[in-house]
Amino acid sequence: MAPPSTGAARRAAAPQPRPSVRRPPLRVFQPEPRRRTRRGHTRRAPVWLAVALIVGSLLAVVVGDTLVAQDQVRLARLQSAIGSAQAAQKSMQTEVAQLAAPDRVVQQGIALGLTAPAQVVNLPEVPLDVALPVPDTTPVAAPAPTTSTRAPATAAPATAVTHAPSTPATTTPTR
């Protein structure tokens, strides 16, 4: 004998439904219709808000990049202007150094008719960190006028002319 088929055995072993308890019939699920606002649009505000934030942030990034690029162009222009100004300053400094050279100053002085002094006196150094005393600025009284009579002039030889020595008067500062 052959074993009973598995389908028939299941049917025989399965409990029989009770006739008093009936299930409701199955139906297809249909979601509720979307609520519409007064204007007839669906409620998609969160989606539109997210899209607006993303687009706004992308525009902000683009504007920021544009500003940075403009500042870089301006910075490059300023750096080139600084370089040319520094080159001009350097050339002017060398020109001033050449014009202030001692040999050139002496030549210009001789060309203007100046003569070299017979004696040169170097002044002592003054320290810059020590305060100097305040000078006395009280006015000096004028000397009283004196009356004198002229003595008769004596005849002096016309060829004899006396001059003061040609050395410059120098003073040394006192402390």
Foldseek 3Di string as FASTA:
>chain_A
DDDDDPVVVCVVPDDDDDPVDDDDDDDDDDDDDFDADPVRDGPPVVVVVVVVVVVVVVVVVVVVVVVVVVVVVVVVVVVVVVVVVVVVVVVVVVVVCVCPDPVNVVVVCVVVPHDDAPDDDDADDDDPVDDDDDDDDDDDDDDDDDDDDDDDDDDDDPVDDDDDDPHDDDDHDDD
